[in-house]
Amino acid sequence: MTAARRIVRCGLLVVAGLLPALTVMPVAAADSPSFGGDISVAQTLGDRELTVMLRRITSIPGPLRVDVVTHTGTAAGRLAVTAIPYGAAKNLPAPGAATAHGDIELAATAGMYSTDLAVDRAGPWELTIDDGVRVARIPFAVPAQVTSPPERLVYGGFLIAGVLLPISVLIAVRARRTAWALIPVGGMVAGVAVAITAALLSSTLPLPPQPGVQLDPSTDNLTNPYDLGQPQLSDYSRQPVLLTVGNDPLTAGRPGDLRLELTDAATGAAVDDLMIHDSALMHLLVIGPGGDLRHLHPIRIAPGRYEAHLIPPAPGRYALSAELARRGGGVQLVRAVTGFTVGAGSVGAPVNPVRLGGNTTASTVLGDTPVTVTATAARAGAPTTLSARFGDRSDLQPWLGMVGHMIVAGPITDDSDIAAAVQNSPIWGHAHSMGGMPPMPGGHDMAAMGDMPGMSGHSSEGAMLMPPVNGDSAPDETVAAYGPDVPFTYTFPAPGHYRVWIQAERNYTVLTVPIVLEVSR
């Protein structure tokens, strides 16, 4: 009996000695692509500027929560929402037909409105939003809850060890030759060793190609992304996108639709592999002849075809560019070659920009929000920090995943037709801000630290939007806790006359500050 206890005790000590190693490198949960946050997609659906949020799906089958955030001035009405699967599954309805329906009743008050849809399978899906006139089609992927190969080894190793432990004790107690107990003890130690090795190596093993990011999503790769039968591609690159405007002529002061077509530069085929980038499938920047900016988010109406609704404020030529991210093609800023032209009609109010040149501070008022814009010395080739202060409280809301957006165009040589000059300008830029930063302990302002991008030489105040980690979701537009300072740092490559627009959201209203900036040599 003493020898049996000694053998089992020895095995248990070995296992106990190996277990603490698991705390050194836990199994990487991110190995499974099913771990992810919510999806946020901005949509310009008719006259409504909406933010559509698809909450994470925790089980299949299970509910999909769809939240829609409206802005100030959004008309009340009903949105019909459907979910359409495009992947086949046994004993389930055929793909391509809607399997879940819901309605969202929008009130005149800005805020969040919701409905729930049922998701019955993993695979590629499409969410449709119908306002009675237009239908927006948002593609999304539902991955299966997959256990990665390292996780299976960890679970299998511990399962083997757990099974062999009572067998070791039983043999050591009952067998005449207690040395036989060394066999299951050895298997138990081997099982734990395999589990620990898999846990240690899990974070260093490469992830499989990610469906929806590197690969076009399909039922197969979303159900089992670790299938070794799939091609292990190393080059996911795709060609640039060509953007063309194919709508009928628009009239100033009247609502109309911009119809956009995306084609592959190499094949001419319709491009239908856009990814959600900064909370939108496409960011459309439209600049009018008077210098007004419209930041729209066209709805997808068919593969490679998008549509944006707008009311042009004045006749003349309009500059147009789109920021998008193609699967395997990276982020692209694509310009329509000539923009588009709007016919004569009623003329809206003129744009009065904030002018910064010899002055480094200027003020304006947008609605009931006072705005103060400051800038460091603007010299070509050197970082320049511009900051807009919206009101005096930390009550800005994140829009498109950021506290602030800055659009830059220039140098501009002709102010008589700003849109034409912007369309032909060599530089278009789009920068982001996470908001102001609170003082550090000891009285030091983090925003004044010169080694932090976007904060060089500038002191800002207020809460800063931190990026999500570990699969968490970023705060949505219902969180009004950021700002009031919205700083940006940008290096202007060439001297000259620039048009700049800074945007932030407050009280469910997107505020746009037009700025004229002189950049010296």
Protein backbone atom coordinates (compact mmCIF):
# COMPACT_ATOMS: atom_id res chain seq x y z
CA MET A 1 0.00 0.00 0.00
CA THR A 2 2.88 2.37 0.84
CA ALA A 3 4.46 1.81 -2.58
CA ALA A 4 1.13 2.41 -4.31
CA ARG A 5 0.67 5.69 -2.51
CA ARG A 6 4.22 6.69 -3.41
CA ILE A 7 3.63 6.00 -7.11
CA VAL A 8 0.32 7.87 -7.28
CA ARG A 9 1.75 10.72 -5.21
CA CYS A 10 4.66 10.98 -7.61
CA GLY A 11 2.33 11.17 -10.61
CA LEU A 12 0.13 13.75 -8.98
CA LEU A 13 3.15 15.88 -8.07
CA VAL A 14 4.34 15.81 -11.68
CA VAL A 15 0.90 16.85 -12.94
CA ALA A 16 0.63 19.55 -10.27
CA GLY A 17 4.04 20.84 -11.24
CA LEU A 18 3.01 21.19 -14.88
CA LEU A 19 -0.35 22.88 -14.28
CA PRO A 20 1.07 26.31 -13.29
CA ALA A 21 2.64 26.54 -16.74
CA LEU A 22 -0.86 27.12 -18.12
CA THR A 23 -0.87 30.54 -16.47
CA VAL A 24 2.14 31.58 -18.55
CA MET A 25 0.32 31.44 -21.90
CA PRO A 26 -3.42 30.75 -21.88
CA VAL A 27 -5.24 29.39 -24.89
CA ALA A 28 -5.85 32.21 -27.35
CA ALA A 29 -9.61 32.61 -27.63
CA ALA A 30 -9.08 34.79 -30.68
CA ASP A 31 -8.11 31.67 -32.60
CA SER A 32 -11.80 31.28 -33.31
CA PRO A 33 -13.11 33.86 -35.78
CA SER A 34 -16.54 33.57 -34.20
CA PHE A 35 -15.29 35.81 -31.40
CA GLY A 36 -16.12 39.38 -32.45
CA GLY A 37 -17.95 42.52 -31.56
CA ASP A 38 -21.03 44.23 -32.85
CA ILE A 39 -21.27 45.47 -36.45
CA SER A 40 -22.10 49.13 -37.04
CA VAL A 41 -23.04 50.37 -40.53
CA ALA A 42 -24.03 53.95 -41.41
CA GLN A 43 -26.69 54.22 -44.11
CA THR A 44 -28.08 57.23 -45.98
CA LEU A 45 -31.54 55.80 -46.59
CA GLY A 46 -33.50 58.47 -48.42
CA ASP A 47 -33.66 61.59 -46.24
CA ARG A 48 -32.68 59.59 -43.17
CA GLU A 49 -29.09 59.28 -41.97
CA LEU A 50 -29.14 56.06 -39.91
CA THR A 51 -26.65 53.98 -38.00
CA VAL A 52 -27.58 50.29 -38.18
CA MET A 53 -26.05 48.05 -35.52
CA LEU A 54 -26.07 44.27 -35.69
CA ARG A 55 -25.34 42.94 -32.23
CA ARG A 56 -23.13 39.91 -31.84
CA ILE A 57 -24.76 36.52 -32.16
CA THR A 58 -23.92 34.28 -29.22
CA SER A 59 -25.58 31.05 -30.39
CA ILE A 60 -26.86 29.42 -33.56
CA PRO A 61 -29.79 29.21 -33.89
CA GLY A 62 -30.37 32.37 -31.92
CA PRO A 63 -31.57 35.96 -32.01
CA LEU A 64 -29.96 38.80 -33.95
CA ARG A 65 -30.58 42.14 -32.32
CA VAL A 66 -30.85 45.00 -34.84
CA ASP A 67 -30.59 48.53 -33.43
CA VAL A 68 -31.13 51.64 -35.55
CA VAL A 69 -29.90 55.04 -34.32
CA THR A 70 -31.56 58.11 -35.83
CA HIS A 71 -30.34 61.71 -35.87
CA THR A 72 -32.09 64.98 -35.17
CA GLY A 73 -34.58 65.76 -37.91
CA THR A 74 -35.13 62.15 -38.94
CA ALA A 75 -38.71 61.59 -40.05
CA ALA A 76 -40.88 59.16 -38.13
CA GLY A 77 -41.98 56.03 -39.95
CA ARG A 78 -41.70 52.28 -40.25
CA LEU A 79 -38.72 50.29 -41.48
CA ALA A 80 -39.26 46.71 -42.61
CA VAL A 81 -36.22 44.59 -41.73
CA THR A 82 -35.51 41.10 -43.07
CA ALA A 83 -32.64 38.62 -42.82
CA ILE A 84 -31.81 36.52 -45.88
CA PRO A 85 -29.37 33.56 -45.71
CA TYR A 86 -27.20 32.75 -48.73
CA GLY A 87 -25.76 29.51 -47.45
CA ALA A 88 -27.45 26.12 -47.75
CA ALA A 89 -28.11 24.03 -44.66
CA LYS A 90 -29.76 20.67 -44.11
CA ASN A 91 -33.39 20.65 -42.98
CA LEU A 92 -33.59 24.43 -43.28
CA PRO A 93 -35.26 26.73 -45.85
CA ALA A 94 -33.42 27.18 -49.13
CA PRO A 95 -30.94 30.06 -49.34
CA GLY A 96 -31.95 33.33 -50.99
CA ALA A 97 -35.35 33.60 -49.31
CA ALA A 98 -36.02 35.71 -46.23
CA THR A 99 -36.24 33.61 -43.08
CA ALA A 100 -36.82 36.35 -40.52
CA HIS A 101 -38.90 39.53 -40.59
CA GLY A 102 -39.26 42.46 -38.23
CA ASP A 103 -40.46 46.05 -38.11
CA ILE A 104 -38.83 49.08 -36.54
CA GLU A 105 -41.09 52.01 -35.70
CA LEU A 106 -39.10 55.24 -35.80
CA ALA A 107 -40.38 58.16 -33.77
CA ALA A 108 -39.63 61.82 -34.46
CA THR A 109 -37.29 61.88 -31.46
CA ALA A 110 -33.68 61.00 -32.23
CA GLY A 111 -32.42 57.88 -30.51
CA MET A 112 -32.19 54.10 -30.76
CA TYR A 113 -34.95 51.80 -32.05
CA SER A 114 -34.75 48.02 -32.21
CA THR A 115 -36.09 44.70 -33.39
CA ASP A 116 -35.02 41.05 -33.13
CA LEU A 117 -34.56 38.58 -35.97
CA ALA A 118 -33.96 34.84 -35.83
CA VAL A 119 -30.73 33.43 -37.32
CA ASP A 120 -30.89 29.70 -38.00
CA ARG A 121 -27.52 28.88 -39.61
CA ALA A 122 -23.91 29.88 -40.06
CA GLY A 123 -22.88 31.37 -43.39
CA PRO A 124 -23.21 34.54 -45.46
CA TRP A 125 -26.35 36.61 -44.85
CA GLU A 126 -27.93 39.83 -46.06
CA LEU A 127 -29.90 42.29 -43.97
CA THR A 128 -32.45 44.37 -45.89
CA ILE A 129 -33.96 47.62 -44.63
CA ASP A 130 -36.99 48.89 -46.53
CA ASP A 131 -38.46 52.36 -45.94
CA GLY A 132 -41.23 51.81 -48.49
CA VAL A 133 -39.32 53.51 -51.31
CA ARG A 134 -35.76 52.19 -51.14
CA VAL A 135 -34.21 48.96 -49.93
CA ALA A 136 -30.74 48.91 -48.39
CA ARG A 137 -28.91 45.59 -48.54
CA ILE A 138 -26.20 45.02 -45.95
CA PRO A 139 -24.11 41.83 -46.28
CA PHE A 140 -22.86 40.22 -43.08
CA ALA A 141 -21.39 36.88 -42.05
CA VAL A 142 -22.45 34.56 -39.25
CA PRO A 143 -19.56 32.27 -38.21
CA ALA A 144 -20.13 29.01 -36.41
CA GLN A 145 -18.91 28.61 -32.86
CA VAL A 146 -15.73 26.73 -33.75
CA THR A 147 -13.18 25.12 -31.45
CA SER A 148 -9.67 25.65 -32.77
CA PRO A 149 -7.21 22.71 -33.11
CA PRO A 150 -5.07 23.92 -30.15
CA GLU A 151 -8.17 24.14 -27.97
CA ARG A 152 -9.16 20.61 -28.95
CA LEU A 153 -5.70 19.37 -27.94
CA VAL A 154 -5.95 21.19 -24.61
CA TYR A 155 -9.38 19.75 -23.85
CA GLY A 156 -8.36 16.29 -25.10
CA GLY A 157 -5.16 16.25 -23.05
CA PHE A 158 -6.95 17.14 -19.84
CA LEU A 159 -9.73 14.66 -20.61
CA ILE A 160 -7.18 11.87 -20.98
CA ALA A 161 -5.47 12.94 -17.76
CA GLY A 162 -8.79 13.04 -15.93
CA VAL A 163 -9.74 9.54 -17.11
CA LEU A 164 -6.36 8.03 -16.29
CA LEU A 165 -6.12 9.53 -12.81
CA PRO A 166 -8.72 7.21 -11.15
CA ILE A 167 -7.39 4.30 -13.20
CA SER A 168 -3.90 4.95 -11.76
CA VAL A 169 -5.28 5.01 -8.24
CA LEU A 170 -7.31 1.84 -8.81
CA ILE A 171 -4.33 -0.10 -10.23
CA ALA A 172 -2.03 1.12 -7.49
CA VAL A 173 -4.49 -0.05 -4.80
CA ARG A 174 -5.68 -3.32 -6.34
CA ALA A 175 -2.82 -4.66 -8.46
CA ARG A 176 -0.28 -7.01 -6.91
CA ARG A 177 2.52 -5.35 -8.84
CA THR A 178 2.07 -1.67 -8.12
CA ALA A 179 4.55 -0.80 -10.86
CA TRP A 180 1.72 -1.33 -13.35
CA ALA A 181 0.30 1.96 -12.08
CA LEU A 182 3.18 3.76 -13.80
CA ILE A 183 1.56 3.10 -17.18
CA PRO A 184 -1.62 5.15 -16.62
CA VAL A 185 0.39 7.70 -14.62
CA GLY A 186 2.67 8.13 -17.63
CA GLY A 187 -0.36 8.54 -19.89
CA MET A 188 -1.76 11.09 -17.48
CA VAL A 189 1.48 13.08 -17.51
CA ALA A 190 1.62 12.88 -21.32
CA GLY A 191 -1.97 14.16 -21.60
CA VAL A 192 -1.24 17.16 -19.40
CA ALA A 193 1.99 17.83 -21.30
CA VAL A 194 0.12 17.83 -24.62
CA ALA A 195 -2.49 20.22 -23.19
CA ILE A 196 0.14 22.63 -21.87
CA THR A 197 2.16 22.52 -25.09
CA ALA A 198 -0.94 23.29 -27.16
CA ALA A 199 -1.83 26.16 -24.84
CA LEU A 200 1.69 27.62 -25.04
CA LEU A 201 1.83 27.38 -28.83
CA SER A 202 -1.74 28.50 -29.55
CA SER A 203 -0.93 32.21 -29.58
CA THR A 204 2.01 31.74 -31.96
CA LEU A 205 0.19 29.67 -34.57
CA PRO A 206 -1.13 31.67 -37.55
CA LEU A 207 -4.86 32.14 -37.86
CA PRO A 208 -6.56 30.59 -40.86
CA PRO A 209 -7.63 32.96 -43.65
CA GLN A 210 -10.49 34.97 -42.20
CA PRO A 211 -13.84 34.69 -44.02
CA GLY A 212 -15.20 38.13 -44.77
CA VAL A 213 -11.77 39.72 -44.36
CA GLN A 214 -9.32 37.78 -46.52
CA LEU A 215 -11.70 35.28 -48.11
CA ASP A 216 -15.13 35.74 -49.61
CA PRO A 217 -17.46 34.30 -46.95
CA SER A 218 -19.11 30.98 -47.71
CA THR A 219 -20.95 28.35 -45.74
CA ASP A 220 -17.89 26.08 -45.78
CA ASN A 221 -15.29 28.54 -44.50
CA LEU A 222 -17.66 30.06 -41.94
CA THR A 223 -18.64 26.65 -40.62
CA ASN A 224 -15.09 25.28 -40.42
CA PRO A 225 -12.37 27.86 -41.06
CA TYR A 226 -9.72 25.33 -39.99
CA ASP A 227 -10.56 22.85 -42.76
CA LEU A 228 -7.20 21.87 -44.27
CA GLY A 229 -8.90 21.08 -47.56
CA GLN A 230 -9.22 24.80 -48.26
CA PRO A 231 -6.49 26.51 -50.30
CA GLN A 232 -3.96 28.19 -48.02
CA LEU A 233 -3.61 31.46 -49.89
CA SER A 234 -0.82 33.88 -49.08
CA ASP A 235 -1.75 36.69 -51.49
CA TYR A 236 -5.18 38.18 -50.93
CA SER A 237 -4.62 41.31 -53.03
CA ARG A 238 -7.25 42.57 -55.44
CA GLN A 239 -7.31 45.34 -57.99
CA PRO A 240 -8.35 48.96 -57.31
CA VAL A 241 -11.95 50.03 -57.72
CA LEU A 242 -13.26 52.32 -60.45
CA LEU A 243 -16.11 54.67 -59.46
CA THR A 244 -18.60 56.02 -61.99
CA VAL A 245 -21.68 58.19 -61.53
CA GLY A 246 -24.60 57.04 -63.65
CA ASN A 247 -27.59 59.07 -62.49
CA ASP A 248 -29.95 61.40 -64.34
CA PRO A 249 -29.21 65.15 -64.04
CA LEU A 250 -29.95 66.63 -60.61
CA THR A 251 -31.60 70.00 -59.98
CA ALA A 252 -30.51 72.45 -57.28
CA GLY A 253 -32.89 72.60 -54.33
CA ARG A 254 -34.68 69.40 -55.30
CA PRO A 255 -34.14 65.91 -53.85
CA GLY A 256 -32.42 63.43 -56.11
CA ASP A 257 -30.44 60.21 -56.07
CA LEU A 258 -26.81 59.64 -56.94
CA ARG A 259 -26.38 56.22 -58.52
CA LEU A 260 -22.87 54.87 -58.18
CA GLU A 261 -21.30 51.89 -59.87
CA LEU A 262 -18.15 50.12 -58.68
CA THR A 263 -16.13 48.03 -61.12
CA ASP A 264 -12.90 46.07 -60.91
CA ALA A 265 -10.07 47.94 -62.64
CA ALA A 266 -8.65 44.71 -64.09
CA THR A 267 -11.76 42.83 -65.18
CA GLY A 268 -14.56 45.39 -65.41
CA ALA A 269 -16.76 43.14 -63.29
CA ALA A 270 -19.02 44.57 -60.61
CA VAL A 271 -17.28 44.90 -57.26
CA ASP A 272 -19.29 43.28 -54.47
CA ASP A 273 -16.63 42.58 -51.86
CA LEU A 274 -16.59 45.81 -49.84
CA MET A 275 -15.89 45.44 -46.15
CA ILE A 276 -17.24 47.60 -43.38
CA HIS A 277 -14.62 50.31 -42.90
CA ASP A 278 -15.04 52.92 -40.15
CA SER A 279 -18.66 51.83 -39.66
CA ALA A 280 -19.75 52.08 -43.30
CA LEU A 281 -19.50 50.18 -46.55
CA MET A 282 -18.72 53.46 -48.32
CA HIS A 283 -17.99 57.00 -47.18
CA LEU A 284 -19.09 59.37 -49.93
CA LEU A 285 -17.69 62.90 -49.77
CA VAL A 286 -19.61 65.44 -51.86
CA ILE A 287 -18.37 69.04 -52.03
CA GLY A 288 -20.54 71.70 -53.62
CA PRO A 289 -19.54 74.79 -55.59
CA GLY A 290 -19.95 76.96 -52.49
CA GLY A 291 -17.64 74.83 -50.35
CA ASP A 292 -20.31 72.84 -48.46
CA LEU A 293 -19.50 69.21 -47.53
CA ARG A 294 -21.86 66.27 -47.43
CA HIS A 295 -20.57 63.11 -45.79
CA LEU A 296 -22.98 60.42 -47.00
CA HIS A 297 -23.13 56.63 -46.73
CA PRO A 298 -24.72 55.16 -49.87
CA ILE A 299 -26.95 52.14 -49.56
CA ARG A 300 -26.11 48.97 -51.45
CA ILE A 301 -29.00 48.20 -53.80
CA ALA A 302 -27.37 45.41 -55.86
CA PRO A 303 -23.90 43.88 -56.36
CA GLY A 304 -21.57 46.75 -57.30
CA ARG A 305 -24.41 49.32 -57.27
CA TYR A 306 -24.94 51.96 -54.59
CA GLU A 307 -27.30 54.88 -54.18
CA ALA A 308 -27.20 58.08 -52.11
CA HIS A 309 -30.04 60.56 -51.68
CA LEU A 310 -29.30 64.29 -51.41
CA ILE A 311 -30.63 67.77 -52.06
CA PRO A 312 -27.98 69.80 -53.92
CA PRO A 313 -27.94 73.35 -52.47
CA ALA A 314 -26.75 75.14 -55.62
CA PRO A 315 -26.27 74.58 -59.34
CA GLY A 316 -22.86 73.84 -60.77
CA ARG A 317 -20.17 71.22 -60.58
CA TYR A 318 -19.76 69.00 -57.53
CA ALA A 319 -16.61 67.18 -56.45
CA LEU A 320 -17.04 63.56 -55.40
CA SER A 321 -14.85 60.91 -53.82
CA ALA A 322 -15.47 57.65 -51.99
CA GLU A 323 -13.49 56.02 -49.21
CA LEU A 324 -13.95 52.26 -49.05
CA ALA A 325 -12.17 49.04 -48.20
CA ARG A 326 -12.18 46.12 -50.59
CA ARG A 327 -11.63 42.59 -49.34
CA GLY A 328 -7.98 41.96 -50.08
CA GLY A 329 -7.57 45.41 -51.61
CA GLY A 330 -7.13 47.58 -48.54
CA VAL A 331 -8.55 51.04 -47.94
CA GLN A 332 -8.97 53.09 -51.10
CA LEU A 333 -9.87 56.74 -51.66
CA VAL A 334 -11.48 56.75 -55.10
CA ARG A 335 -12.45 59.88 -57.02
CA ALA A 336 -15.06 60.20 -59.73
CA VAL A 337 -13.09 61.59 -62.67
CA THR A 338 -15.25 64.66 -63.29
CA GLY A 339 -17.60 64.66 -60.32
CA PHE A 340 -21.17 65.50 -61.37
CA THR A 341 -23.13 68.56 -62.43
CA VAL A 342 -26.34 69.97 -60.94
CA GLY A 343 -28.78 71.98 -63.02
CA ALA A 344 -30.18 75.41 -62.21
CA GLY A 345 -32.70 75.74 -59.42
CA SER A 346 -33.17 77.29 -56.00
CA VAL A 347 -30.00 78.23 -54.14
CA GLY A 348 -29.40 77.42 -50.49
CA ALA A 349 -27.67 79.47 -47.81
CA PRO A 350 -23.99 80.26 -48.46
CA VAL A 351 -21.20 78.62 -46.50
CA ASN A 352 -19.22 80.89 -44.17
CA PRO A 353 -15.98 79.11 -43.34
CA VAL A 354 -13.70 79.73 -40.38
CA ARG A 355 -10.49 81.31 -41.70
CA LEU A 356 -7.11 80.43 -40.23
CA GLY A 357 -3.95 81.96 -41.60
CA GLY A 358 -2.21 84.65 -39.65
CA ASN A 359 -4.75 83.93 -36.90
CA THR A 360 -4.39 80.67 -34.99
CA THR A 361 -7.82 80.88 -33.32
CA ALA A 362 -11.27 81.57 -34.73
CA SER A 363 -14.82 80.97 -33.56
CA THR A 364 -18.24 80.25 -35.03
CA VAL A 365 -21.64 78.96 -33.92
CA LEU A 366 -23.38 75.90 -35.35
CA GLY A 367 -26.99 75.80 -34.21
CA ASP A 368 -26.75 76.32 -30.46
CA THR A 369 -23.19 74.98 -30.23
CA PRO A 370 -20.30 77.46 -30.02
CA VAL A 371 -17.20 76.18 -31.77
CA THR A 372 -13.64 77.42 -31.34
CA VAL A 373 -10.98 76.28 -33.81
CA THR A 374 -7.29 76.56 -33.00
CA ALA A 375 -4.22 75.63 -35.03
CA THR A 376 -0.50 75.47 -34.56
CA ALA A 377 1.77 77.09 -37.16
CA ALA A 378 0.83 75.54 -40.51
CA ARG A 379 3.98 74.85 -42.53
CA ALA A 380 4.34 72.47 -45.44
CA GLY A 381 6.10 69.24 -44.53
CA ALA A 382 5.69 69.73 -40.77
CA PRO A 383 2.92 68.35 -38.54
CA THR A 384 0.10 70.83 -37.92
CA THR A 385 -2.41 70.34 -35.11
CA LEU A 386 -5.93 71.63 -35.60
CA SER A 387 -8.45 71.35 -32.80
CA ALA A 388 -12.14 72.17 -32.65
CA ARG A 389 -13.80 72.72 -29.31
CA PHE A 390 -17.55 71.98 -29.39
CA GLY A 391 -19.30 73.65 -26.47
CA ASP A 392 -17.81 73.39 -23.01
CA ARG A 393 -18.89 69.94 -21.80
CA SER A 394 -17.84 66.37 -22.53
CA ASP A 395 -21.06 65.47 -24.33
CA LEU A 396 -19.94 64.56 -27.85
CA GLN A 397 -21.13 61.25 -29.25
CA PRO A 398 -18.99 58.80 -31.27
CA TRP A 399 -19.92 58.91 -34.94
CA LEU A 400 -18.63 56.22 -37.30
CA GLY A 401 -16.54 54.85 -34.45
CA MET A 402 -14.67 58.13 -33.86
CA VAL A 403 -15.21 61.32 -31.92
CA GLY A 404 -14.18 63.51 -34.85
CA HIS A 405 -13.50 63.42 -38.59
CA MET A 406 -11.43 65.84 -40.66
CA ILE A 407 -11.56 66.13 -44.46
CA VAL A 408 -8.72 67.97 -46.22
CA ALA A 409 -8.53 69.13 -49.85
CA GLY A 410 -6.01 71.37 -51.59
CA PRO A 411 -4.01 73.27 -52.46
CA ILE A 412 -6.82 75.22 -54.16
CA THR A 413 -6.04 77.91 -56.69
CA ASP A 414 -9.54 79.14 -57.57
CA ASP A 415 -12.15 80.13 -54.96
CA SER A 416 -14.73 81.11 -57.55
CA ASP A 417 -15.63 77.45 -58.17
CA ILE A 418 -14.55 75.56 -55.08
CA ALA A 419 -15.93 72.17 -56.13
CA ALA A 420 -14.08 72.22 -59.45
CA ALA A 421 -10.89 73.29 -57.70
CA VAL A 422 -11.30 70.56 -55.07
CA GLN A 423 -12.00 67.93 -57.73
CA ASN A 424 -8.71 68.80 -59.43
CA SER A 425 -6.69 69.32 -56.25
CA PRO A 426 -3.75 66.97 -55.74
CA ILE A 427 -4.49 66.23 -52.09
CA TRP A 428 -7.56 64.67 -50.49
CA GLY A 429 -7.18 63.56 -46.89
CA HIS A 430 -9.40 61.99 -44.22
CA ALA A 431 -8.17 62.01 -40.60
CA HIS A 432 -9.78 60.88 -37.35
CA SER A 433 -9.73 61.98 -33.74
CA MET A 434 -10.50 60.03 -30.60
CA GLY A 435 -11.22 63.25 -28.70
CA GLY A 436 -9.44 65.11 -25.93
CA MET A 437 -7.35 63.48 -23.25
CA PRO A 438 -7.64 64.08 -19.51
CA PRO A 439 -4.64 65.32 -17.49
CA MET A 440 -2.21 62.71 -16.23
CA PRO A 441 -1.43 62.32 -12.53
CA GLY A 442 0.98 65.02 -11.46
CA GLY A 443 -0.61 67.71 -13.62
CA HIS A 444 0.85 66.66 -16.98
CA ASP A 445 -1.46 66.85 -19.98
CA MET A 446 -1.26 63.67 -22.07
CA ALA A 447 -2.35 65.64 -25.12
CA ALA A 448 0.78 67.79 -24.86
CA MET A 449 3.09 64.81 -25.19
CA GLY A 450 4.99 65.24 -28.44
CA ASP A 451 5.41 61.51 -29.12
CA MET A 452 1.66 60.83 -29.35
CA PRO A 453 0.13 60.96 -32.83
CA GLY A 454 -2.46 63.67 -33.19
CA MET A 455 -1.48 65.43 -29.96
CA SER A 456 1.83 67.08 -30.73
CA GLY A 457 2.16 70.49 -29.15
CA HIS A 458 -1.51 70.82 -28.26
CA SER A 459 -3.32 70.67 -24.94
CA SER A 460 -6.81 69.22 -25.13
CA GLU A 461 -9.44 68.45 -22.56
CA GLY A 462 -12.17 65.91 -22.08
CA ALA A 463 -12.74 62.21 -22.31
CA MET A 464 -11.00 60.18 -25.00
CA LEU A 465 -12.65 57.34 -26.90
CA MET A 466 -10.55 54.22 -26.39
CA PRO A 467 -10.56 51.50 -29.06
CA PRO A 468 -12.23 48.21 -28.09
CA VAL A 469 -10.09 45.23 -27.09
CA ASN A 470 -10.59 41.49 -26.66
CA GLY A 471 -13.68 41.35 -28.83
CA ASP A 472 -15.49 44.09 -26.92
CA SER A 473 -17.70 46.51 -28.82
CA ALA A 474 -17.01 50.22 -29.10
CA PRO A 475 -19.45 52.68 -27.48
CA ASP A 476 -22.34 53.59 -29.76
CA GLU A 477 -23.99 56.94 -30.42
CA THR A 478 -26.13 56.76 -27.30
CA VAL A 479 -22.98 57.46 -25.22
CA ALA A 480 -22.54 61.24 -24.98
CA ALA A 481 -19.34 61.45 -22.94
CA TYR A 482 -16.49 62.70 -25.14
CA GLY A 483 -14.83 65.95 -26.09
CA PRO A 484 -15.33 68.87 -25.99
CA ASP A 485 -11.91 69.14 -27.67
CA VAL A 486 -11.46 67.26 -30.94
CA PRO A 487 -7.78 67.49 -32.00
CA PHE A 488 -6.16 66.35 -35.26
CA THR A 489 -2.59 66.34 -36.49
CA TYR A 490 -1.94 66.41 -40.22
CA THR A 491 1.16 67.05 -42.33
CA PHE A 492 0.33 69.19 -45.36
CA PRO A 493 2.70 68.09 -48.15
CA ALA A 494 2.64 71.38 -50.06
CA PRO A 495 2.06 75.06 -49.25
CA GLY A 496 -1.06 76.82 -50.37
CA HIS A 497 -4.74 77.40 -49.76
CA TYR A 498 -6.60 74.41 -48.23
CA ARG A 499 -10.21 73.64 -47.52
CA VAL A 500 -10.75 71.68 -44.30
CA TRP A 501 -13.93 70.31 -42.73
CA ILE A 502 -14.12 69.04 -39.13
CA GLN A 503 -17.13 66.94 -38.10
CA ALA A 504 -18.41 65.75 -34.72
CA GLU A 505 -21.76 64.61 -33.33
CA ARG A 506 -23.59 66.37 -30.50
CA ASN A 507 -27.21 65.89 -29.43
CA TYR A 508 -27.68 63.40 -32.30
CA THR A 509 -26.70 66.10 -34.80
CA VAL A 510 -23.59 65.88 -36.98
CA LEU A 511 -21.90 69.31 -36.87
CA THR A 512 -19.62 70.33 -39.75
CA VAL A 513 -17.10 73.14 -39.35
CA PRO A 514 -15.80 74.48 -42.71
CA ILE A 515 -12.29 75.92 -42.46
CA VAL A 516 -10.02 77.81 -44.82
CA LEU A 517 -6.38 77.26 -43.90
CA GLU A 518 -3.27 78.91 -45.31
CA VAL A 519 -0.20 76.67 -45.25
CA SER A 520 3.15 78.42 -45.58
CA ARG A 521 6.42 77.08 -46.91
